[in-house]
Amino acid sequence: MAIDDNDPRPPFLQLADALRQDIKSGQYPPGTRLPSIRELAKTHGISAQTVQNALRELRHEGLVISQQGRALFVRDPERGVSAEPSLSERVAELESTLKTLANRVEALEAAHQNQ
């Protein structure tokens, strides 16, 4: 699936919808490891942050779970787990956001020093 520039939805929602369809169709059955953020970004021609935003949507919906330091997996709906992200998932999400922001600040500071 390619991100459609003519689609009024933001790219992260387009990707979230595509992955949601893949999960519901059985292409990614419960327990399946999703491709990495880097792989998804490369495949769809979007930034890693855009992929992270799409995956955040799916986590909030309870479709995927993250295992810190490992990967994202399709959640098994039969397990009856709440759609609310766990504390560890929320902390991992915050750490990821903080790391992204720190990298952006570092790049801005470096650009400012080179002026």
Protein backbone atom coordinates (compact mmCIF):
# COMPACT_ATOMS: atom_id res chain seq x y z
CA MET A 1 0.00 0.00 0.00
CA ALA A 2 1.37 3.37 -0.96
CA ILE A 3 0.56 6.53 0.92
CA ASP A 4 -1.77 8.58 -1.28
CA ASP A 5 -0.93 12.29 -1.37
CA ASN A 6 -4.46 12.98 -2.61
CA ASP A 7 -6.04 11.27 0.39
CA PRO A 8 -7.28 13.91 2.86
CA ARG A 9 -6.25 11.72 5.81
CA PRO A 10 -2.79 12.21 7.31
CA PRO A 11 -0.25 9.54 6.28
CA PHE A 12 -0.21 7.98 9.74
CA LEU A 13 -3.96 7.35 9.58
CA GLN A 14 -3.62 5.89 6.08
CA LEU A 15 -0.98 3.46 7.36
CA ALA A 16 -3.00 2.65 10.49
CA ASP A 17 -6.01 1.83 8.28
CA ALA A 18 -3.90 -0.37 5.99
CA LEU A 19 -2.39 -2.28 8.92
CA ARG A 20 -5.81 -2.58 10.57
CA GLN A 21 -7.16 -4.17 7.37
CA ASP A 22 -4.16 -6.53 7.20
CA ILE A 23 -4.82 -7.61 10.78
CA LYS A 24 -8.55 -8.08 10.28
CA SER A 25 -8.04 -9.97 7.01
CA GLY A 26 -5.71 -12.43 8.70
CA GLN A 27 -2.59 -11.37 6.84
CA TYR A 28 -1.19 -10.67 10.32
CA PRO A 29 -2.89 -13.23 12.58
CA PRO A 30 -2.80 -12.97 16.41
CA GLY A 31 0.70 -13.38 17.77
CA THR A 32 2.35 -12.33 14.53
CA ARG A 33 5.26 -9.96 14.79
CA LEU A 34 4.71 -6.82 12.72
CA PRO A 35 7.47 -5.49 10.48
CA SER A 36 9.83 -3.09 12.23
CA ILE A 37 9.26 0.64 12.22
CA ARG A 38 12.24 1.02 9.89
CA GLU A 39 10.85 -1.60 7.48
CA LEU A 40 7.39 -0.02 7.45
CA ALA A 41 8.86 3.46 6.89
CA LYS A 42 10.94 2.23 3.97
CA THR A 43 8.12 0.18 2.43
CA HIS A 44 5.63 3.04 2.58
CA GLY A 45 8.03 5.91 1.88
CA ILE A 46 7.27 7.73 5.13
CA SER A 47 9.20 8.77 8.22
CA ALA A 48 9.72 6.56 11.24
CA GLN A 49 7.77 9.07 13.34
CA THR A 50 4.78 8.72 11.01
CA VAL A 51 4.95 4.93 11.42
CA GLN A 52 5.17 5.32 15.20
CA ASN A 53 2.07 7.50 15.15
CA ALA A 54 0.19 4.85 13.13
CA LEU A 55 1.27 2.08 15.50
CA ARG A 56 0.24 4.22 18.48
CA GLU A 57 -3.29 4.32 17.01
CA LEU A 58 -3.36 0.53 16.75
CA ARG A 59 -2.06 0.14 20.32
CA HIS A 60 -4.80 2.44 21.63
CA GLU A 61 -7.36 0.33 19.80
CA GLY A 62 -5.95 -2.80 21.38
CA LEU A 63 -5.02 -4.40 18.06
CA VAL A 64 -1.29 -4.63 18.76
CA ILE A 65 0.90 -4.89 21.82
CA SER A 66 4.50 -3.86 22.19
CA GLN A 67 7.18 -5.79 23.95
CA GLN A 68 9.85 -3.30 24.90
CA GLY A 69 13.13 -4.00 23.20
CA ARG A 70 11.59 -6.63 20.95
CA ALA A 71 8.79 -5.66 18.61
CA LEU A 72 5.08 -5.12 18.08
CA PHE A 73 2.77 -8.09 17.90
CA VAL A 74 -0.84 -8.55 16.87
CA ARG A 75 -2.91 -8.93 20.03
CA ASP A 76 -5.03 -12.05 20.41
CA PRO A 77 -8.65 -10.85 20.81
CA GLU A 78 -9.55 -14.15 22.52
CA ARG A 79 -7.42 -13.25 25.52
CA GLY A 80 -9.88 -10.56 26.55
CA VAL A 81 -7.20 -8.02 27.29
CA SER A 82 -8.38 -4.46 27.70
CA ALA A 83 -7.80 -2.05 24.86
CA GLU A 84 -6.16 0.31 27.35
CA PRO A 85 -2.39 0.26 26.98
CA SER A 86 -0.52 -1.13 29.96
CA LEU A 87 1.70 1.07 32.08
CA SER A 88 4.81 -0.43 30.48
CA GLU A 89 3.37 0.26 26.99
CA ARG A 90 2.62 3.85 27.96
CA VAL A 91 6.13 4.33 29.41
CA ALA A 92 7.69 2.81 26.26
CA GLU A 93 5.62 5.19 24.13
CA LEU A 94 6.72 8.18 26.22
CA GLU A 95 10.37 7.08 26.05
CA SER A 96 10.10 6.82 22.27
CA THR A 97 8.55 10.27 22.02
CA LEU A 98 11.18 11.74 24.35
CA LYS A 99 14.00 10.18 22.31
CA THR A 100 12.52 11.59 19.09
CA LEU A 101 12.23 15.05 20.63
CA ALA A 102 15.77 14.90 22.02
CA ASN A 103 17.10 14.01 18.56
CA ARG A 104 15.19 16.91 17.01
CA VAL A 105 16.49 19.37 19.62
CA GLU A 106 20.04 18.11 19.09
CA ALA A 107 19.71 18.60 15.31
CA LEU A 108 18.32 22.12 15.78
CA GLU A 109 21.10 23.05 18.19
CA ALA A 110 23.74 21.72 15.78
CA ALA A 111 22.20 23.68 12.91
CA HIS A 112 22.11 26.82 15.05
CA GLN A 113 25.78 26.45 16.03
CA ASN A 114 26.80 26.09 12.37
CA GLN A 115 25.21 29.41 11.44
